[in-house]
Protein backbone atom coordinates (compact mmCIF):
# COMPACT_ATOMS: atom_id res chain seq x y z
CA MET A 1 0.25 0.05 -0.11
CA GLN A 2 1.50 3.54 -0.95
CA LEU A 3 0.08 6.34 1.08
CA GLN A 4 0.11 9.99 -0.73
CA THR A 5 0.38 13.21 1.24
CA ALA A 6 1.51 16.67 0.08
CA THR A 7 4.14 18.74 1.69
CA ARG A 8 4.58 21.88 1.43
CA PRO A 9 8.46 22.93 0.44
CA THR A 10 11.02 23.81 2.86
CA VAL A 11 12.12 27.75 2.75
CA THR A 12 15.57 28.81 3.94
CA THR A 13 15.05 31.67 6.97
CA PRO A 14 17.47 33.78 8.44
CA GLU A 15 15.73 32.49 11.54
CA ARG A 16 17.53 29.27 11.25
CA ALA A 17 20.86 30.68 11.82
CA SER A 18 19.70 32.81 15.03
CA ALA A 19 20.68 32.14 18.55
CA GLY A 20 16.90 31.77 19.36
CA SER A 21 17.01 29.40 16.43
CA ARG A 22 19.62 27.66 17.98
CA ALA A 23 18.52 27.59 21.47
CA PHE A 24 14.81 25.96 20.23
CA PRO A 25 15.93 22.60 19.52
CA TRP A 26 17.61 22.19 23.21
CA VAL A 27 14.59 23.63 24.62
CA VAL A 28 12.28 20.95 22.83
CA PHE A 29 14.87 18.09 23.74
CA ALA A 30 14.79 19.16 27.48
CA LEU A 31 10.90 19.21 27.68
CA ILE A 32 10.27 15.65 25.89
CA CYS A 33 13.00 14.31 27.94
CA GLY A 34 11.32 15.57 30.61
CA LEU A 35 7.64 14.10 29.28
CA MET A 36 9.74 10.61 29.38
CA MET A 37 10.51 11.19 32.81
CA SER A 38 7.32 11.85 33.80
CA ASP A 39 5.94 8.85 31.70
CA TYR A 40 8.10 6.54 33.32
CA MET A 41 7.89 7.74 36.79
CA SER A 42 4.07 7.35 37.16
CA ARG A 43 4.70 4.10 35.32
CA GLN A 44 7.59 3.03 37.85
CA VAL A 45 6.15 4.31 41.28
CA LEU A 46 4.47 1.42 41.33
CA SER A 47 7.32 -1.00 42.06
CA ALA A 48 8.44 1.31 44.82
CA VAL A 49 5.14 0.14 46.86
CA PHE A 50 5.12 -3.40 45.54
CA PRO A 51 5.51 -4.54 49.37
CA LEU A 52 3.00 -1.79 50.91
CA LEU A 53 0.43 -3.48 48.26
CA LYS A 54 1.55 -7.03 48.85
CA ALA A 55 0.61 -6.68 52.49
CA GLU A 56 -2.39 -4.55 52.59
CA TRP A 57 -4.46 -6.51 50.01
CA ASN A 58 -2.42 -9.42 50.18
CA LEU A 59 -1.64 -10.05 46.59
CA SER A 60 0.41 -12.48 45.22
CA ASP A 61 3.78 -12.15 42.70
CA THR A 62 1.79 -12.66 39.72
CA GLN A 63 -1.06 -10.07 40.87
CA LEU A 64 2.04 -7.59 41.43
CA ALA A 65 3.35 -8.14 37.94
CA SER A 66 0.29 -8.00 36.09
CA LEU A 67 0.04 -4.51 37.65
CA THR A 68 3.24 -3.65 35.75
CA SER A 69 3.20 -5.64 32.52
CA VAL A 70 -0.66 -4.14 31.78
CA VAL A 71 0.72 -1.02 31.05
CA ALA A 72 3.91 -2.24 28.73
CA LEU A 73 1.48 -4.77 26.91
CA MET A 74 -0.91 -1.61 26.52
CA VAL A 75 1.68 0.07 24.77
CA GLY A 76 2.88 -2.95 22.97
CA VAL A 77 -0.26 -3.07 21.74
CA LEU A 78 -1.70 0.56 20.89
CA ALA A 79 2.19 2.10 20.29
CA LEU A 80 1.65 1.76 16.03
CA PRO A 81 -1.97 2.45 15.42
CA LEU A 82 -1.53 5.64 17.81
CA SER A 83 1.99 6.56 16.07
CA LEU A 84 0.41 6.44 12.63
CA LEU A 85 -2.51 8.68 14.22
CA ALA A 86 -0.12 11.59 15.40
CA ASP A 87 1.60 11.40 12.12
CA ARG A 88 -1.95 12.28 10.63
CA TRP A 89 -3.44 14.04 13.35
CA GLY A 90 -0.49 16.11 14.76
CA ARG A 91 2.74 15.08 16.63
CA VAL A 92 2.21 18.47 18.94
CA ARG A 93 -1.24 17.66 19.74
CA SER A 94 -0.74 14.21 20.39
CA ILE A 95 1.79 14.63 22.87
CA VAL A 96 -0.09 17.10 24.74
CA ALA A 97 -3.10 14.60 24.77
CA MET A 98 -1.16 11.97 26.01
CA ALA A 99 0.66 13.43 28.73
CA VAL A 100 -2.75 14.41 30.34
CA LEU A 101 -4.00 11.38 29.94
CA TRP A 102 -1.61 9.31 31.52
CA SER A 103 -1.53 12.05 34.72
CA ALA A 104 -5.32 11.55 35.17
CA ALA A 105 -4.44 7.89 35.08
CA THR A 106 -1.96 8.30 37.91
CA VAL A 107 -4.52 9.96 39.81
CA LEU A 108 -7.06 7.44 39.62
CA CYS A 109 -3.90 5.06 40.82
CA ALA A 110 -4.52 6.74 43.93
CA ALA A 111 -8.04 6.65 44.01
CA ALA A 112 -8.13 2.57 43.41
CA ALA A 113 -9.45 0.60 46.16
CA ASN A 114 -8.90 -2.80 45.18
CA TYR A 115 -6.88 -4.62 42.84
CA GLY A 116 -9.59 -4.57 40.05
CA GLN A 117 -9.45 -1.04 40.59
CA LEU A 118 -5.62 -0.25 40.32
CA LEU A 119 -5.78 -2.52 37.44
CA GLY A 120 -7.98 -0.56 35.76
CA ALA A 121 -6.38 2.39 36.05
CA ARG A 122 -3.02 0.98 35.16
CA PHE A 123 -5.03 -0.22 32.05
CA LEU A 124 -5.64 3.96 31.15
CA LEU A 125 -2.30 4.87 32.19
CA GLY A 126 -0.96 2.40 29.56
CA PHE A 127 -3.53 3.56 26.84
CA GLY A 128 -1.78 7.36 27.71
CA GLU A 129 1.81 6.38 27.33
CA ALA A 130 1.27 4.14 24.34
CA ALA A 131 3.00 6.31 21.77
CA TYR A 132 4.71 8.77 23.76
CA ALA A 133 7.82 7.12 23.13
CA SER A 134 8.00 6.62 19.27
CA VAL A 135 6.29 10.30 18.88
CA GLY A 136 8.48 12.47 21.14
CA MET A 137 11.22 10.59 19.75
CA ALA A 138 10.11 12.14 15.99
CA VAL A 139 9.50 15.06 17.03
CA MET A 140 13.06 15.51 19.35
CA LEU A 141 14.99 13.96 16.14
CA SER A 142 13.12 16.11 13.73
CA VAL A 143 14.89 19.48 15.19
CA PHE A 144 18.70 17.75 14.93
CA ALA A 145 21.32 16.81 12.73
CA PRO A 146 21.53 13.29 12.24
CA ARG A 147 25.15 13.32 13.59
CA LEU A 148 23.57 13.01 16.70
CA HIS A 149 20.71 10.96 16.28
CA ALA A 150 22.52 8.14 19.00
CA THR A 151 23.60 10.56 21.36
CA LEU A 152 20.19 12.15 21.46
CA SER A 153 18.29 8.63 21.17
CA GLY A 154 20.15 7.36 23.97
CA THR A 155 19.58 10.30 26.43
CA PHE A 156 15.96 10.28 25.21
CA GLN A 157 15.75 6.39 26.41
CA ALA A 158 17.89 7.00 29.77
CA SER A 159 14.89 9.40 30.45
CA THR A 160 12.87 6.53 31.13
CA PHE A 161 15.78 4.94 33.90
CA PHE A 162 16.19 8.61 35.33
CA GLY A 163 12.14 9.00 35.28
CA SER A 164 12.31 5.46 37.11
CA VAL A 165 15.02 6.77 39.69
CA LEU A 166 12.75 9.75 40.50
CA GLY A 167 9.23 7.38 40.85
CA VAL A 168 11.41 4.50 42.67
CA ALA A 169 12.95 6.51 45.20
CA LEU A 170 10.45 9.68 45.71
CA GLY A 171 7.69 7.15 45.60
CA GLY A 172 9.19 4.82 48.23
CA VAL A 173 9.92 7.94 50.64
CA LEU A 174 6.51 9.10 50.37
CA ALA A 175 4.81 6.04 50.64
CA ASP A 176 6.58 5.85 54.10
CA ARG A 177 5.48 8.77 54.65
CA TYR A 178 2.25 9.62 53.80
CA GLY A 179 0.75 6.20 52.30
CA TRP A 180 0.96 4.95 48.68
CA ARG A 181 -1.61 7.10 47.35
CA ALA A 182 0.35 10.21 47.82
CA ALA A 183 3.44 8.36 46.04
CA PHE A 184 1.07 8.56 43.00
CA LEU A 185 -0.23 11.97 43.37
CA MET A 186 2.82 13.39 43.21
CA MET A 187 3.84 11.68 39.79
CA ALA A 188 0.64 12.91 38.29
CA VAL A 189 1.41 16.86 39.45
CA VAL A 190 4.83 16.18 38.09
CA GLY A 191 3.52 15.69 34.67
CA LEU A 192 0.48 18.37 34.28
CA LEU A 193 3.17 20.87 34.81
CA LEU A 194 5.23 19.65 32.43
CA VAL A 195 2.63 18.99 29.33
CA ALA A 196 1.67 22.75 30.16
CA ALA A 197 5.38 24.19 29.68
CA PHE A 198 5.78 22.11 26.58
CA ARG A 199 2.13 22.92 24.65
CA MET A 200 3.38 26.44 25.52
CA VAL A 201 6.92 26.05 23.83
CA ALA A 202 6.69 23.82 21.12
CA THR A 203 4.24 24.47 18.04
CA PRO A 204 3.87 22.75 14.76
CA SER A 205 5.20 26.06 12.76
CA ARG A 206 8.34 26.26 15.15
CA LEU A 207 9.35 22.84 15.12
CA GLU A 208 9.20 22.68 11.30
CA ARG A 209 10.87 25.82 11.10
CA HIS A 210 14.07 24.66 12.92
CA THR A 211 13.95 21.47 10.82
CA PRO A 212 17.60 21.09 9.60
CA GLU A 213 18.25 21.58 5.81
CA GLN A 214 19.73 17.70 5.55
CA ALA A 215 16.64 16.01 6.76
CA ALA A 216 14.33 18.79 5.25
CA THR A 217 15.53 18.04 1.75
CA THR A 218 15.15 14.43 2.09
CA THR A 219 10.98 14.39 2.37
CA THR A 220 9.39 14.69 -0.72
CA GLY A 221 5.28 14.71 -1.65
CA THR A 222 5.52 10.78 -1.19
CA ARG A 223 5.00 8.58 1.93
CA ALA A 224 7.19 5.81 1.80
CA PRO A 225 5.02 2.24 1.66
CA LEU A 226 3.93 1.23 5.48
CA SER A 227 5.12 -2.65 4.66
CA SER A 228 8.87 -1.32 4.39
CA LEU A 229 9.11 -1.23 8.21
CA PHE A 230 8.51 -5.00 7.85
CA THR A 231 10.63 -6.08 5.02
CA ASN A 232 14.08 -4.82 5.80
CA THR A 233 15.87 -7.36 7.39
CA PRO A 234 18.53 -5.61 9.29
CA LEU A 235 16.07 -2.89 10.47
CA VAL A 236 13.64 -6.04 12.00
CA CYS A 237 17.05 -7.34 13.80
CA ALA A 238 17.46 -3.91 15.18
CA TYR A 239 14.02 -3.80 16.59
CA VAL A 240 14.16 -7.24 18.43
CA GLY A 241 17.54 -6.88 19.52
CA ALA A 242 16.76 -3.94 21.28
CA ALA A 243 13.79 -5.82 22.68
CA LEU A 244 15.89 -8.67 23.95
CA GLN A 245 18.08 -5.91 26.12
CA LEU A 246 14.98 -4.61 27.07
CA PHE A 247 13.47 -7.75 28.41
CA VAL A 248 16.58 -7.77 31.21
CA SER A 249 15.98 -3.93 31.56
CA GLY A 250 12.30 -4.44 32.58
CA VAL A 251 13.14 -6.80 34.96
CA LEU A 252 15.21 -4.93 36.79
CA LEU A 253 13.10 -1.55 36.91
CA ALA A 254 10.19 -3.66 38.32
CA TRP A 255 11.64 -6.39 41.13
CA LEU A 256 15.10 -4.61 42.42
CA PRO A 257 12.87 -2.99 44.98
CA SER A 258 11.54 -6.35 45.82
CA TYR A 259 15.19 -8.13 45.87
CA PHE A 260 16.78 -5.75 48.27
CA ASN A 261 13.22 -6.02 50.14
CA ARG A 262 13.14 -9.89 50.95
CA TYR A 263 16.99 -11.12 50.51
CA HIS A 264 18.82 -8.07 51.61
CA GLY A 265 16.38 -7.25 54.65
CA MET A 266 15.63 -3.64 53.28
CA ASP A 267 12.50 -1.95 54.32
CA THR A 268 10.38 -0.09 51.76
CA SER A 269 12.31 3.17 51.21
CA ALA A 270 15.57 1.75 51.83
CA ALA A 271 14.48 -0.77 49.10
CA GLY A 272 13.53 1.73 46.92
CA LEU A 273 16.25 4.06 47.50
CA THR A 274 18.97 1.87 46.72
CA ALA A 275 17.11 0.22 43.48
CA SER A 276 16.98 3.75 42.26
CA VAL A 277 21.50 3.86 42.68
CA PHE A 278 21.15 1.00 40.30
CA VAL A 279 18.38 2.39 37.85
CA LEU A 280 20.76 5.89 37.60
CA LEU A 281 23.43 3.48 36.69
CA MET A 282 21.10 2.30 33.47
CA GLY A 283 20.31 5.86 32.60
CA VAL A 284 24.20 6.82 32.80
CA GLY A 285 24.86 3.40 30.64
CA ILE A 286 22.46 4.66 28.16
CA VAL A 287 24.01 8.02 27.31
CA SER A 288 27.37 6.95 28.04
CA CYS A 289 26.85 4.06 25.33
CA GLY A 290 25.15 6.27 23.06
CA ILE A 291 28.18 8.86 23.04
CA ILE A 292 30.64 6.40 22.03
CA ALA A 293 28.15 4.88 19.23
CA ASP A 294 28.25 7.88 17.68
CA ARG A 295 32.23 9.07 18.36
CA VAL A 296 33.03 4.89 17.00
CA SER A 297 30.27 5.23 14.03
CA ARG A 298 31.37 8.87 12.25
CA HIS A 299 33.05 7.49 9.63
CA ARG A 300 31.48 3.70 9.70
CA PRO A 301 27.87 3.56 10.52
CA GLU A 302 27.62 -0.15 11.18
CA ARG A 303 29.97 -0.02 13.95
CA LYS A 304 26.95 1.49 15.99
CA TRP A 305 25.78 -2.74 15.77
CA THR A 306 29.03 -3.51 17.09
CA VAL A 307 28.22 -1.18 20.25
CA ALA A 308 25.16 -3.06 20.84
CA VAL A 309 26.80 -6.10 20.57
CA VAL A 310 29.69 -5.48 23.09
CA THR A 311 27.45 -4.01 25.71
CA ALA A 312 24.82 -7.21 25.71
CA ALA A 313 27.85 -9.46 26.51
CA ILE A 314 29.10 -7.68 29.13
CA ALA A 315 25.63 -7.06 30.79
CA LEU A 316 25.01 -11.02 30.27
CA VAL A 317 28.39 -12.16 31.83
CA THR A 318 28.41 -9.41 34.82
CA LEU A 319 24.63 -10.07 35.82
CA THR A 320 24.77 -14.03 35.39
CA VAL A 321 27.88 -13.92 37.75
CA GLY A 322 26.23 -11.37 40.07
CA PHE A 323 23.17 -12.72 40.49
CA GLY A 324 25.00 -16.06 41.26
CA VAL A 325 27.20 -15.41 43.92
CA ALA A 326 26.63 -14.78 47.57
CA GLY A 327 25.24 -11.08 48.97
CA GLY A 328 28.10 -8.64 49.45
CA SER A 329 30.19 -6.13 47.94
CA ALA A 330 31.24 -8.49 45.29
CA GLN A 331 27.51 -8.83 44.26
CA MET A 332 26.93 -5.17 44.20
CA ILE A 333 29.35 -4.61 42.07
CA LEU A 334 28.51 -7.00 38.83
CA ILE A 335 25.09 -6.14 39.49
CA GLY A 336 26.31 -2.58 39.04
CA ILE A 337 28.45 -3.16 36.00
CA GLY A 338 25.51 -4.97 34.53
CA ALA A 339 23.10 -2.05 35.41
CA PHE A 340 25.31 0.18 33.29
CA PHE A 341 25.66 -2.01 30.34
CA CYS A 342 22.28 -3.70 30.48
CA ALA A 343 20.23 -1.01 28.15
CA GLY A 344 23.15 0.05 26.68
CA SER A 345 22.44 -0.93 23.00
CA SER A 346 19.30 1.90 23.02
CA GLY A 347 20.72 4.68 21.63
CA ALA A 348 22.70 2.63 18.83
CA THR A 349 19.72 0.50 18.13
CA THR A 350 17.50 3.82 17.67
CA ALA A 351 19.65 5.46 15.81
CA LEU A 352 19.88 2.29 13.54
CA VAL A 353 16.20 2.28 13.02
CA ALA A 354 16.22 5.76 11.76
CA SER A 355 18.91 5.05 9.43
CA LEU A 356 16.68 2.52 8.11
CA THR A 357 13.60 4.53 7.92
CA HIS A 358 12.08 7.20 5.38
CA PRO A 359 11.85 10.13 7.58
CA SER A 360 7.99 10.21 6.20
CA ILE A 361 7.39 7.46 8.62
CA ARG A 362 9.73 7.90 10.99
CA ALA A 363 7.16 7.98 14.14
CA SER A 364 5.72 5.14 12.70
CA ALA A 365 9.21 3.52 12.48
CA PHE A 366 9.64 4.39 16.32
CA GLY A 367 5.80 2.54 16.87
CA VAL A 368 6.67 -0.15 15.91
CA GLY A 369 9.79 -0.23 17.84
CA THR A 370 7.81 0.57 20.90
CA LEU A 371 5.45 -2.27 19.98
CA VAL A 372 8.53 -4.84 20.02
CA ASN A 373 10.33 -3.10 22.76
CA ASN A 374 6.93 -3.85 24.82
CA ILE A 375 5.54 -6.79 24.14
CA LEU A 376 9.29 -8.71 24.16
CA GLY A 377 10.81 -6.78 26.75
CA MET A 378 9.17 -4.34 29.08
CA ALA A 379 5.82 -6.44 29.61
CA LEU A 380 6.97 -9.94 29.06
CA GLY A 381 10.01 -10.13 31.04
CA PRO A 382 8.65 -8.64 34.73
CA LEU A 383 5.52 -10.84 33.78
CA VAL A 384 7.57 -14.12 33.39
CA VAL A 385 9.47 -13.17 36.41
CA GLY A 386 5.86 -13.06 38.64
CA LEU A 387 4.72 -15.82 37.65
CA LEU A 388 8.43 -18.40 37.81
CA SER A 389 8.85 -16.30 41.59
CA ASP A 390 5.73 -17.52 42.74
CA ARG A 391 6.90 -21.10 42.28
CA LEU A 392 10.66 -20.82 42.19
CA GLY A 393 11.67 -17.62 44.47
CA LEU A 394 12.40 -14.43 42.98
CA LEU A 395 16.43 -14.81 43.31
CA GLY A 396 16.32 -18.34 41.69
CA VAL A 397 14.49 -16.64 38.22
CA LEU A 398 17.18 -13.46 38.15
CA GLN A 399 19.79 -16.00 37.92
CA TRP A 400 18.28 -17.11 34.96
CA VAL A 401 17.19 -13.97 33.32
CA PRO A 402 20.60 -12.56 31.61
CA LEU A 403 20.28 -15.37 29.39
CA ALA A 404 18.45 -13.41 27.30
CA TYR A 405 21.34 -11.95 25.57
CA VAL A 406 22.79 -14.53 24.18
CA LEU A 407 19.36 -14.54 21.67
CA ALA A 408 19.88 -10.98 21.45
CA ILE A 409 24.18 -11.09 20.76
CA ALA A 410 22.53 -13.33 17.57
CA VAL A 411 19.96 -11.01 16.59
CA LEU A 412 22.15 -8.53 16.35
CA PHE A 413 25.12 -10.22 14.46
CA VAL A 414 22.46 -10.72 11.91
CA GLY A 415 21.70 -6.90 11.55
CA LEU A 416 25.50 -6.26 10.93
CA ARG A 417 25.83 -8.62 8.27
CA THR A 418 22.89 -7.59 6.31
CA TYR A 419 23.00 -3.61 7.10
CA PRO A 420 24.29 -2.30 3.61
CA ALA A 421 21.98 -4.43 2.00
CA GLY A 422 19.14 -2.61 4.33
CA LEU A 423 20.65 0.88 3.34
CA ARG A 424 20.25 -0.20 -0.24
CA LYS A 425 16.37 -1.49 0.09
CA LEU A 426 15.97 2.02 1.47
CA ALA A 427 17.66 3.76 -0.91
CA ALA A 428 15.07 2.27 -3.36
CA LEU A 429 12.36 3.44 -2.27
């Protein structure tokens, strides 16, 4: 199916070179990343209050896991259709609507009186967050040159972990002092303030004026076929390889607070704060690995694949050994190294997705990535661990989780070998 749309010619104006013009993309970048942090603050605050919910409502690990996985499942299922809708309805308007909805859903989480009501509120939260990663990424990258895409993509992805840090750490403190409902309410307030700022600053006309010349001149009046998102082998490998790594990071995000609570004897606040340190390491690792990917691939783009493979290999070894040894400083160091590299491929794989897709359907491409990341990664990982934990114990399951990296490395190697052919296929569109 070939979709057609009219695109206005891009006119170069002196505004592009002004100081205000140079600052505007970075303001958009900050707001887009801030909203991504809010997204994950609302999503991950739940992990900090797992022990309280388990005690108050007598929930099983499977039920706790479902409260986490239902959000990722909704994001995965709805990411692509809502990204397609955003490409047509307007990306800025879509971002505003999504942020308002997930903030309202977070308020409903605070008002839940039982497991069923909380599950319904989390369902709505997932609906609101579904396409934000893909649409926000497309808006952010549209005002920057491609040479910065891996670094920017990595930082954007790292915002999920920085938001998780704030959600888990702040949520644990608030829950201990004021109850778990106060933790949800605070996350909702943050989201509403940020979306108000974004609505005042970012407009479609201003974003269009700040599109880099290189990107502007590659967009023609014809949209690439949507089928190109599924028929390019290295593009599919980038999707699947990234998702398999997020399988592990999703598990760490959801279950580290409970791990420290059960096996290290920490209370809710201490477990949340300790877990937040490791989540912070995940975010720093994504940014650092994204910067490295941009630098080593400046003249050889295929090296982004190599960065993704190396980060997966390091995480595989350190996390496997870390969860296998007895508790102590050595274990903490190994898990910390694994956390740093566990999602280090995110910037590289996102930049690879951008390099293998036509600009006219890039938000949809990121929507496919969000779908795969959540179905195979963020939704599946925590749910599988929750189901098995009720039978085998949480620590026993965590010792096997890093083996997902073996599959990730195999898929990424296929992507590396087929990358030149994928670029030729894109050029022929």
